[in-house]
Amino acid sequence: MLLDLAPQHLKERRLAKKTKKTVRREWTPADLRTLKKHSKDRTPVAKISKEMKRTVGALRQKALVLGVDLGHQR
């Protein structure tokens, strides 16, 4: 007679993790003023991103549409 010695956590079937649902937020006039102010103050994009809770890509795209410079960093 053989005994199954594998731990219980290895026997359970692994399920794929659920991805977060994308939440889209409109740009408010206050958001636009904040973005323009940070542009003028030359604030780093990563810092703006954390403060506004938006991705760096979203900030850069909106700045491009508005014709505002956020600075170029490699």
Protein backbone atom coordinates (compact mmCIF):
# COMPACT_ATOMS: atom_id res chain seq x y z
CA MET A 1 0.00 0.00 0.00
CA LEU A 2 1.40 3.42 -1.02
CA LEU A 3 0.83 6.51 1.03
CA ASP A 4 0.26 9.89 -0.59
CA LEU A 5 2.87 12.05 1.15
CA ALA A 6 2.40 15.25 -0.89
CA PRO A 7 1.40 18.27 1.21
CA GLN A 8 -2.19 19.44 0.93
CA HIS A 9 -1.23 22.80 -0.62
CA LEU A 10 0.43 20.99 -3.53
CA LYS A 11 -2.67 18.91 -4.19
CA GLU A 12 -5.02 21.86 -4.54
CA ARG A 13 -5.57 23.23 -7.99
CA ARG A 14 -4.13 26.69 -8.52
CA LEU A 15 -6.44 29.34 -9.91
CA ALA A 16 -5.30 32.28 -12.00
CA LYS A 17 -5.22 35.59 -10.19
CA LYS A 18 -7.95 38.01 -11.15
CA THR A 19 -6.76 41.20 -12.79
CA LYS A 20 -7.83 44.61 -11.57
CA LYS A 21 -10.68 46.23 -13.45
CA THR A 22 -9.57 49.34 -15.31
CA VAL A 23 -11.10 52.43 -13.76
CA ARG A 24 -11.22 55.44 -16.03
CA ARG A 25 -11.52 58.89 -14.53
CA GLU A 26 -12.37 62.04 -16.40
CA TRP A 27 -9.92 64.94 -16.24
CA THR A 28 -11.46 67.69 -14.12
CA PRO A 29 -10.58 71.36 -14.55
CA ALA A 30 -8.74 71.13 -11.21
CA ASP A 31 -6.68 68.19 -12.53
CA LEU A 32 -5.71 70.21 -15.59
CA ARG A 33 -4.70 73.22 -13.47
CA THR A 34 -2.60 70.95 -11.25
CA LEU A 35 -0.89 69.37 -14.26
CA LYS A 36 -0.09 72.78 -15.75
CA LYS A 37 1.22 74.07 -12.40
CA HIS A 38 3.52 71.08 -12.01
CA SER A 39 4.70 71.56 -15.58
CA LYS A 40 5.63 75.15 -14.81
CA ASP A 41 7.36 74.11 -11.56
CA ARG A 42 9.28 71.33 -13.40
CA THR A 43 8.10 68.67 -10.92
CA PRO A 44 9.30 65.12 -11.79
CA VAL A 45 6.60 63.11 -13.57
CA ALA A 46 6.84 60.20 -11.12
CA LYS A 47 6.05 62.55 -8.23
CA ILE A 48 3.08 64.07 -10.09
CA SER A 49 1.87 60.56 -10.87
CA LYS A 50 1.77 59.56 -7.21
CA GLU A 51 0.11 62.79 -6.14
CA MET A 52 -2.61 62.69 -8.81
CA LYS A 53 -3.01 58.89 -8.70
CA ARG A 54 -2.62 58.60 -12.46
CA THR A 55 -0.08 56.68 -14.50
CA VAL A 56 2.98 58.38 -15.94
CA GLY A 57 1.70 57.49 -19.41
CA ALA A 58 -1.66 59.13 -18.74
CA LEU A 59 0.04 62.31 -17.56
CA ARG A 60 2.38 62.44 -20.54
CA GLN A 61 -0.48 61.83 -22.99
CA LYS A 62 -2.65 64.57 -21.47
CA ALA A 63 0.31 66.97 -21.45
CA LEU A 64 0.88 66.21 -25.13
CA VAL A 65 -2.77 66.94 -25.95
CA LEU A 66 -2.66 70.18 -23.95
CA GLY A 67 0.66 71.22 -25.47
CA VAL A 68 2.29 71.33 -22.03
CA ASP A 69 5.89 70.23 -21.46
CA LEU A 70 6.54 67.72 -18.67
CA GLY A 71 10.22 67.38 -19.47
CA HIS A 72 12.00 64.53 -21.17
CA GLN A 73 13.79 61.96 -19.05
CA ARG A 74 15.43 58.78 -20.30
